[in-house]
PDB file of N, CA and C in Angstrom:
ATOM      1  N   MET A   1       6.065 -45.802  36.570  1.00  0.00           N
ATOM      2  CA  MET A   1       5.998 -44.534  36.166  1.00  0.00           C
ATOM      3  C   MET A   1       4.942 -44.471  34.998  1.00  0.00           C
ATOM      4  N   ARG A   2       4.093 -43.516  34.940  1.00  0.00           N
ATOM      5  CA  ARG A   2       3.010 -43.381  33.597  1.00  0.00           C
ATOM      6  C   ARG A   2       2.872 -41.852  33.611  1.00  0.00           C
ATOM      7  N   VAL A   3       2.881 -41.646  32.039  1.00  0.00           N
ATOM      8  CA  VAL A   3       2.754 -40.386  31.701  1.00  0.00           C
ATOM      9  C   VAL A   3       1.785 -40.184  30.778  1.00  0.00           C
ATOM     10  N   VAL A   4       0.610 -39.059  31.297  1.00  0.00           N
ATOM     11  CA  VAL A   4      -0.211 -39.155  30.465  1.00  0.00           C
ATOM     12  C   VAL A   4      -0.813 -37.621  30.113  1.00  0.00           C
ATOM     13  N   LEU A   5      -1.964 -37.268  29.653  1.00  0.00           N
ATOM     14  CA  LEU A   5      -2.046 -35.793  29.166  1.00  0.00           C
ATOM     15  C   LEU A   5      -3.705 -35.764  29.655  1.00  0.00           C
ATOM     16  N   ARG A   6      -3.732 -34.523  30.380  1.00  0.00           N
ATOM     17  CA  ARG A   6      -5.306 -34.368  30.888  1.00  0.00           C
ATOM     18  C   ARG A   6      -5.618 -32.971  30.435  1.00  0.00           C
ATOM     19  N   HIS A   7      -6.863 -32.696  30.023  1.00  0.00           N
ATOM     20  CA  HIS A   7      -7.256 -31.565  29.709  1.00  0.00           C
ATOM     21  C   HIS A   7      -7.597 -30.687  30.813  1.00  0.00           C
ATOM     22  N   PRO A   8      -7.312 -29.548  31.216  1.00  0.00           N
ATOM     23  CA  PRO A   8      -7.260 -29.001  32.495  1.00  0.00           C
ATOM     24  C   PRO A   8      -8.713 -28.584  32.726  1.00  0.00           C
ATOM     25  N   GLY A   9      -9.580 -27.605  31.627  1.00  0.00           N
ATOM     26  CA  GLY A   9     -10.726 -27.446  31.519  1.00  0.00           C
ATOM     27  C   GLY A   9     -11.696 -28.659  32.075  1.00  0.00           C
ATOM     28  N   ILE A  10     -11.522 -29.525  31.409  1.00  0.00           N
ATOM     29  CA  ILE A  10     -12.591 -30.844  31.480  1.00  0.00           C
ATOM     30  C   ILE A  10     -12.154 -31.989  32.557  1.00  0.00           C
ATOM     31  N   GLY A  11     -10.984 -31.973  32.869  1.00  0.00           N
ATOM     32  CA  GLY A  11     -10.592 -32.921  33.816  1.00  0.00           C
ATOM     33  C   GLY A  11     -10.536 -34.249  33.116  1.00  0.00           C
ATOM     34  N   LEU A  12     -10.410 -34.574  31.845  1.00  0.00           N
ATOM     35  CA  LEU A  12     -10.548 -36.088  31.181  1.00  0.00           C
ATOM     36  C   LEU A  12      -9.133 -35.975  30.684  1.00  0.00           C
ATOM     37  N   TYR A  13      -8.727 -37.316  30.494  1.00  0.00           N
ATOM     38  CA  TYR A  13      -7.251 -37.707  29.922  1.00  0.00           C
ATOM     39  C   TYR A  13      -7.481 -38.267  28.775  1.00  0.00           C
ATOM     40  N   TYR A  14      -6.538 -37.924  27.764  1.00  0.00           N
ATOM     41  CA  TYR A  14      -6.138 -38.448  26.398  1.00  0.00           C
ATOM     42  C   TYR A  14      -5.894 -39.753  26.731  1.00  0.00           C
ATOM     43  N   ALA A  15      -6.908 -40.794  25.726  1.00  0.00           N
ATOM     44  CA  ALA A  15      -6.800 -41.944  25.496  1.00  0.00           C
ATOM     45  C   ALA A  15      -6.500 -42.297  23.905  1.00  0.00           C
ATOM     46  N   GLY A  16      -6.434 -41.432  23.254  1.00  0.00           N
ATOM     47  CA  GLY A  16      -6.230 -41.801  21.731  1.00  0.00           C
ATOM     48  C   GLY A  16      -7.117 -40.520  21.034  1.00  0.00           C
ATOM     49  N   ARG A  17      -6.752 -40.524  19.864  1.00  0.00           N
ATOM     50  CA  ARG A  17      -7.355 -39.529  18.957  1.00  0.00           C
ATOM     51  C   ARG A  17      -8.770 -39.196  18.960  1.00  0.00           C
ATOM     52  N   LYS A  18      -9.328 -38.324  19.581  1.00  0.00           N
ATOM     53  CA  LYS A  18     -10.644 -38.047  19.468  1.00  0.00           C
ATOM     54  C   LYS A  18     -10.955 -38.786  20.797  1.00  0.00           C
ATOM     55  N   HIS A  19     -10.549 -39.192  21.628  1.00  0.00           N
ATOM     56  CA  HIS A  19     -10.974 -40.409  22.686  1.00  0.00           C
ATOM     57  C   HIS A  19     -10.453 -39.985  24.056  1.00  0.00           C
ATOM     58  N   TRP A  20     -11.400 -39.408  25.001  1.00  0.00           N
ATOM     59  CA  TRP A  20     -11.132 -39.076  26.488  1.00  0.00           C
ATOM     60  C   TRP A  20     -11.608 -39.910  27.142  1.00  0.00           C
ATOM     61  N   VAL A  21     -11.130 -40.158  28.691  1.00  0.00           N
ATOM     62  CA  VAL A  21     -11.389 -41.135  29.569  1.00  0.00           C
ATOM     63  C   VAL A  21     -11.227 -40.265  30.745  1.00  0.00           C
ATOM     64  N   SER A  22     -12.396 -40.533  31.777  1.00  0.00           N
ATOM     65  CA  SER A  22     -12.171 -39.943  33.357  1.00  0.00           C
ATOM     66  C   SER A  22     -11.183 -40.820  34.133  1.00  0.00           C
ATOM     67  N   ASN A  23     -10.848 -41.985  33.705  1.00  0.00           N
ATOM     68  CA  ASN A  23     -10.020 -42.777  34.817  1.00  0.00           C
ATOM     69  C   ASN A  23      -8.447 -42.460  34.005  1.00  0.00           C
ATOM     70  N   PRO A  24      -7.761 -42.077  35.011  1.00  0.00           N
ATOM     71  CA  PRO A  24      -6.237 -42.044  34.380  1.00  0.00           C
ATOM     72  C   PRO A  24      -5.661 -43.329  33.964  1.00  0.00           C
ATOM     73  N   GLY A  25      -5.962 -44.219  34.549  1.00  0.00           N
ATOM     74  CA  GLY A  25      -5.661 -45.770  34.365  1.00  0.00           C
ATOM     75  C   GLY A  25      -5.902 -46.238  33.147  1.00  0.00           C
ATOM     76  N   ALA A  26      -7.172 -45.366  32.385  1.00  0.00           N
ATOM     77  CA  ALA A  26      -7.333 -46.101  31.165  1.00  0.00           C
ATOM     78  C   ALA A  26      -6.515 -45.136  30.113  1.00  0.00           C
ATOM     79  N   ALA A  27      -6.202 -43.975  30.503  1.00  0.00           N
ATOM     80  CA  ALA A  27      -5.337 -43.025  29.535  1.00  0.00           C
ATOM     81  C   ALA A  27      -4.220 -43.640  28.730  1.00  0.00           C
ATOM     82  N   LEU A  28      -3.771 -43.379  27.435  1.00  0.00           N
ATOM     83  CA  LEU A  28      -2.747 -43.526  26.742  1.00  0.00           C
ATOM     84  C   LEU A  28      -1.344 -43.108  27.740  1.00  0.00           C
ATOM     85  N   ASP A  29      -0.754 -44.147  28.152  1.00  0.00           N
ATOM     86  CA  ASP A  29       0.383 -43.933  28.723  1.00  0.00           C
ATOM     87  C   ASP A  29       1.659 -43.463  27.809  1.00  0.00           C
ATOM     88  N   LEU A  30       2.357 -42.376  27.354  1.00  0.00           N
ATOM     89  CA  LEU A  30       3.006 -41.872  26.807  1.00  0.00           C
ATOM     90  C   LEU A  30       4.590 -42.222  27.005  1.00  0.00           C
ATOM     91  N   GLY A  31       4.704 -42.530  27.934  1.00  0.00           N
ATOM     92  CA  GLY A  31       6.214 -42.871  28.605  1.00  0.00           C
ATOM     93  C   GLY A  31       7.030 -41.871  28.871  1.00  0.00           C
ATOM     94  N   THR A  32       7.085 -40.830  28.231  1.00  0.00           N
ATOM     95  CA  THR A  32       8.056 -39.793  28.424  1.00  0.00           C
ATOM     96  C   THR A  32       7.137 -38.480  28.261  1.00  0.00           C
ATOM     97  N   THR A  33       7.857 -37.222  29.145  1.00  0.00           N
ATOM     98  CA  THR A  33       7.498 -35.862  28.937  1.00  0.00           C
ATOM     99  C   THR A  33       7.666 -35.528  27.937  1.00  0.00           C
ATOM    100  N   GLU A  34       8.541 -35.781  27.119  1.00  0.00           N
ATOM    101  CA  GLU A  34       9.057 -35.459  25.860  1.00  0.00           C
ATOM    102  C   GLU A  34       7.866 -35.879  24.708  1.00  0.00           C
ATOM    103  N   ARG A  35       7.693 -36.956  24.842  1.00  0.00           N
ATOM    104  CA  ARG A  35       6.459 -37.821  23.919  1.00  0.00           C
ATOM    105  C   ARG A  35       5.275 -37.172  24.164  1.00  0.00           C
ATOM    106  N   ALA A  36       5.033 -36.646  25.548  1.00  0.00           N
ATOM    107  CA  ALA A  36       3.572 -36.067  25.711  1.00  0.00           C
ATOM    108  C   ALA A  36       3.597 -34.708  25.083  1.00  0.00           C
ATOM    109  N   THR A  37       4.681 -33.839  25.337  1.00  0.00           N
ATOM    110  CA  THR A  37       5.139 -32.573  24.724  1.00  0.00           C
ATOM    111  C   THR A  37       4.671 -32.739  23.194  1.00  0.00           C
ATOM    112  N   GLU A  38       5.339 -33.559  22.349  1.00  0.00           N
ATOM    113  CA  GLU A  38       5.263 -33.982  20.926  1.00  0.00           C
ATOM    114  C   GLU A  38       3.739 -34.059  20.568  1.00  0.00           C
ATOM    115  N   LEU A  39       3.197 -34.996  21.336  1.00  0.00           N
ATOM    116  CA  LEU A  39       1.706 -35.216  20.890  1.00  0.00           C
ATOM    117  C   LEU A  39       0.949 -34.063  21.081  1.00  0.00           C
ATOM    118  N   SER A  40       1.297 -33.357  22.250  1.00  0.00           N
ATOM    119  CA  SER A  40       0.265 -32.241  22.293  1.00  0.00           C
ATOM    120  C   SER A  40       0.412 -31.186  21.242  1.00  0.00           C
ATOM    121  N   HIS A  41       1.675 -31.155  20.793  1.00  0.00           N
ATOM    122  CA  HIS A  41       1.884 -30.071  19.689  1.00  0.00           C
ATOM    123  C   HIS A  41       1.398 -30.597  18.209  1.00  0.00           C
ATOM    124  N   HIS A  42       1.586 -32.095  18.147  1.00  0.00           N
ATOM    125  CA  HIS A  42       1.138 -32.817  16.972  1.00  0.00           C
ATOM    126  C   HIS A  42      -0.329 -32.648  16.917  1.00  0.00           C
ATOM    127  N   GLU A  43      -1.257 -32.484  17.982  1.00  0.00           N
ATOM    128  CA  GLU A  43      -2.422 -32.519  17.809  1.00  0.00           C
ATOM    129  C   GLU A  43      -3.258 -31.033  18.014  1.00  0.00           C
ATOM    130  N   SER A  44      -2.215 -30.174  18.151  1.00  0.00           N
ATOM    131  CA  SER A  44      -2.697 -28.837  18.374  1.00  0.00           C
ATOM    132  C   SER A  44      -3.434 -28.522  19.302  1.00  0.00           C
ATOM    133  N   PHE A  45      -2.976 -28.965  20.524  1.00  0.00           N
ATOM    134  CA  PHE A  45      -3.809 -28.675  21.657  1.00  0.00           C
ATOM    135  C   PHE A  45      -3.730 -27.635  22.461  1.00  0.00           C
ATOM    136  N   GLU A  46      -4.491 -26.561  22.523  1.00  0.00           N
ATOM    137  CA  GLU A  46      -4.377 -25.120  23.268  1.00  0.00           C
ATOM    138  C   GLU A  46      -3.791 -25.228  24.594  1.00  0.00           C
ATOM    139  N   GLU A  47      -3.921 -26.109  25.474  1.00  0.00           N
ATOM    140  CA  GLU A  47      -3.995 -26.189  26.802  1.00  0.00           C
ATOM    141  C   GLU A  47      -3.908 -27.743  27.461  1.00  0.00           C
ATOM    142  N   MET A  48      -2.808 -28.211  27.977  1.00  0.00           N
ATOM    143  CA  MET A  48      -2.825 -29.606  28.410  1.00  0.00           C
ATOM    144  C   MET A  48      -2.161 -29.565  29.728  1.00  0.00           C
ATOM    145  N   ASP A  49      -2.475 -30.452  30.561  1.00  0.00           N
ATOM    146  CA  ASP A  49      -1.624 -30.863  31.676  1.00  0.00           C
ATOM    147  C   ASP A  49      -0.697 -32.305  31.165  1.00  0.00           C
ATOM    148  N   ILE A  50       0.810 -32.444  31.490  1.00  0.00           N
ATOM    149  CA  ILE A  50       1.308 -33.801  31.650  1.00  0.00           C
ATOM    150  C   ILE A  50       1.219 -33.933  32.727  1.00  0.00           C
ATOM    151  N   VAL A  51       0.779 -35.412  32.979  1.00  0.00           N
ATOM    152  CA  VAL A  51       0.645 -35.893  34.234  1.00  0.00           C
ATOM    153  C   VAL A  51       1.726 -36.907  34.667  1.00  0.00           C
ATOM    154  N   VAL A  52       2.575 -36.815  35.415  1.00  0.00           N
ATOM    155  CA  VAL A  52       3.181 -38.265  35.629  1.00  0.00           C
ATOM    156  C   VAL A  52       2.727 -38.577  36.950  1.00  0.00           C
ATOM    157  N   ASN A  53       2.448 -39.889  36.856  1.00  0.00           N
ATOM    158  CA  ASN A  53       1.930 -40.728  38.041  1.00  0.00           C
ATOM    159  C   ASN A  53       3.104 -41.786  38.615  1.00  0.00           C
ATOM    160  N   TYR A  54       3.707 -41.597  39.730  1.00  0.00           N
ATOM    161  CA  TYR A  54       4.580 -42.290  40.102  1.00  0.00           C
ATOM    162  C   TYR A  54       3.994 -43.848  40.638  1.00  0.00           C
ATOM    163  N   ASP A  55       5.001 -44.828  40.829  1.00  0.00           N
ATOM    164  CA  ASP A  55       4.498 -46.181  41.185  1.00  0.00           C
ATOM    165  C   ASP A  55       3.686 -46.420  42.676  1.00  0.00           C
ATOM    166  N   ASP A  56       4.208 -45.241  43.401  1.00  0.00           N
ATOM    167  CA  ASP A  56       3.485 -45.421  44.719  1.00  0.00           C
ATOM    168  C   ASP A  56       1.920 -44.585  44.747  1.00  0.00           C
ATOM    169  N   SER A  57       1.608 -44.063  43.548  1.00  0.00           N
ATOM    170  CA  SER A  57       0.292 -43.424  43.492  1.00  0.00           C
ATOM    171  C   SER A  57      -0.088 -42.721  44.475  1.00  0.00           C
ATOM    172  N   THR A  58       0.835 -42.249  45.444  1.00  0.00           N
ATOM    173  CA  THR A  58       0.196 -41.106  46.313  1.00  0.00           C
ATOM    174  C   THR A  58       0.580 -39.873  45.897  1.00  0.00           C
ATOM    175  N   HIS A  59       1.671 -39.827  44.796  1.00  0.00           N
ATOM    176  CA  HIS A  59       1.991 -38.295  44.408  1.00  0.00           C
ATOM    177  C   HIS A  59       2.038 -38.352  42.689  1.00  0.00           C
ATOM    178  N   GLU A  60       1.755 -37.167  42.395  1.00  0.00           N
ATOM    179  CA  GLU A  60       1.882 -37.003  40.717  1.00  0.00           C
ATOM    180  C   GLU A  60       2.663 -35.672  40.494  1.00  0.00           C
ATOM    181  N   LEU A  61       3.078 -35.484  39.350  1.00  0.00           N
ATOM    182  CA  LEU A  61       3.679 -34.413  38.951  1.00  0.00           C
ATOM    183  C   LEU A  61       2.888 -33.821  37.680  1.00  0.00           C
ATOM    184  N   VAL A  62       2.403 -32.804  38.008  1.00  0.00           N
ATOM    185  CA  VAL A  62       1.429 -31.796  36.789  1.00  0.00           C
ATOM    186  C   VAL A  62       2.429 -30.988  36.351  1.00  0.00           C
ATOM    187  N   ILE A  63       2.627 -30.829  34.726  1.00  0.00           N
ATOM    188  CA  ILE A  63       3.709 -29.773  34.086  1.00  0.00           C
ATOM    189  C   ILE A  63       2.339 -29.502  33.237  1.00  0.00           C
ATOM    190  N   PRO A  64       2.202 -27.787  33.314  1.00  0.00           N
ATOM    191  CA  PRO A  64       0.973 -27.475  32.407  1.00  0.00           C
ATOM    192  C   PRO A  64       1.982 -26.973  31.358  1.00  0.00           C
ATOM    193  N   LEU A  65       1.029 -27.353  30.058  1.00  0.00           N
ATOM    194  CA  LEU A  65       1.462 -27.048  28.713  1.00  0.00           C
ATOM    195  C   LEU A  65       0.472 -25.795  27.998  1.00  0.00           C
ATOM    196  N   ARG A  66       0.988 -25.037  27.800  1.00  0.00           N
ATOM    197  CA  ARG A  66      -0.056 -23.665  27.133  1.00  0.00           C
ATOM    198  C   ARG A  66       0.667 -23.218  26.043  1.00  0.00           C
ATOM    199  N   ARG A  67       0.162 -23.027  24.935  1.00  0.00           N
ATOM    200  CA  ARG A  67       0.197 -22.387  23.717  1.00  0.00           C
ATOM    201  C   ARG A  67       0.753 -21.194  23.903  1.00  0.00           C
ATOM    202  N   LYS A  68       1.939 -20.723  23.319  1.00  0.00           N
ATOM    203  CA  LYS A  68       2.114 -19.397  23.551  1.00  0.00           C
ATOM    204  C   LYS A  68       1.429 -18.412  22.404  1.00  0.00           C
ATOM    205  N   SER A  69       1.156 -17.244  22.539  1.00  0.00           N
ATOM    206  CA  SER A  69       0.396 -16.334  22.033  1.00  0.00           C
ATOM    207  C   SER A  69       1.253 -15.283  21.689  1.00  0.00           C
ATOM    208  N   ALA A  70       0.870 -14.663  20.492  1.00  0.00           N
ATOM    209  CA  ALA A  70       1.572 -13.660  19.782  1.00  0.00           C
ATOM    210  C   ALA A  70       1.925 -12.757  20.728  1.00  0.00           C
ATOM    211  N   ASP A  71       0.937 -12.202  21.913  1.00  0.00           N
ATOM    212  CA  ASP A  71       1.163 -11.514  22.812  1.00  0.00           C
ATOM    213  C   ASP A  71       2.466 -11.798  23.836  1.00  0.00           C
ATOM    214  N   ASP A  72       2.726 -13.092  24.094  1.00  0.00           N
ATOM    215  CA  ASP A  72       3.990 -13.468  24.859  1.00  0.00           C
ATOM    216  C   ASP A  72       4.925 -13.077  24.156  1.00  0.00           C
ATOM    217  N   ALA A  73       5.057 -13.439  22.928  1.00  0.00           N
ATOM    218  CA  ALA A  73       6.173 -13.212  22.107  1.00  0.00           C
ATOM    219  C   ALA A  73       6.815 -11.754  22.161  1.00  0.00           C
ATOM    220  N   GLU A  74       5.608 -10.764  22.006  1.00  0.00           N
ATOM    221  CA  GLU A  74       5.702  -9.505  21.941  1.00  0.00           C
ATOM    222  C   GLU A  74       6.428  -8.995  23.023  1.00  0.00           C
ATOM    223  N   SER A  75       5.920  -9.093  24.043  1.00  0.00           N
ATOM    224  CA  SER A  75       6.342  -8.981  25.571  1.00  0.00           C
ATOM    225  C   SER A  75       7.925  -9.161  25.887  1.00  0.00           C
ATOM    226  N   LYS A  76       8.081 -10.589  25.458  1.00  0.00           N
ATOM    227  CA  LYS A  76       9.633 -11.060  25.510  1.00  0.00           C
ATOM    228  C   LYS A  76      10.281 -10.122  24.877  1.00  0.00           C
ATOM    229  N   ARG A  77      10.012  -9.858  23.746  1.00  0.00           N
ATOM    230  CA  ARG A  77      10.864  -8.734  22.924  1.00  0.00           C
ATOM    231  C   ARG A  77      10.965  -7.607  23.351  1.00  0.00           C
ATOM    232  N   LYS A  78      10.157  -7.081  24.043  1.00  0.00           N
ATOM    233  CA  LYS A  78      10.089  -5.687  24.600  1.00  0.00           C
ATOM    234  C   LYS A  78      10.900  -5.710  26.087  1.00  0.00           C
ATOM    235  N   VAL A  79      11.171  -6.690  26.876  1.00  0.00           N
ATOM    236  CA  VAL A  79      11.889  -6.847  27.943  1.00  0.00           C
ATOM    237  C   VAL A  79      13.496  -7.048  27.494  1.00  0.00           C
ATOM    238  N   ALA A  80      13.384  -7.766  26.465  1.00  0.00           N
ATOM    239  CA  ALA A  80      14.937  -7.662  25.976  1.00  0.00           C
ATOM    240  C   ALA A  80      15.420  -6.748  25.348  1.00  0.00           C
TER     241      ALA A  80
END
């Protein structure tokens, strides 16, 4: 299993600080979704997809990461 970050707007994969590649096999394998989330936060990415590729390579799990806006927080307060 590989866990990588993909920019949804441009379709490139994170391979290291300021380094992006089109081949997911050349992307930095972060090992866990937690590590991918932490790196995305540390790098201040606005939007990323965590892509989990399984060994059979016929399936992948895509988890969208989006930075919460002030409007999101405000709407949650109104609902509660």
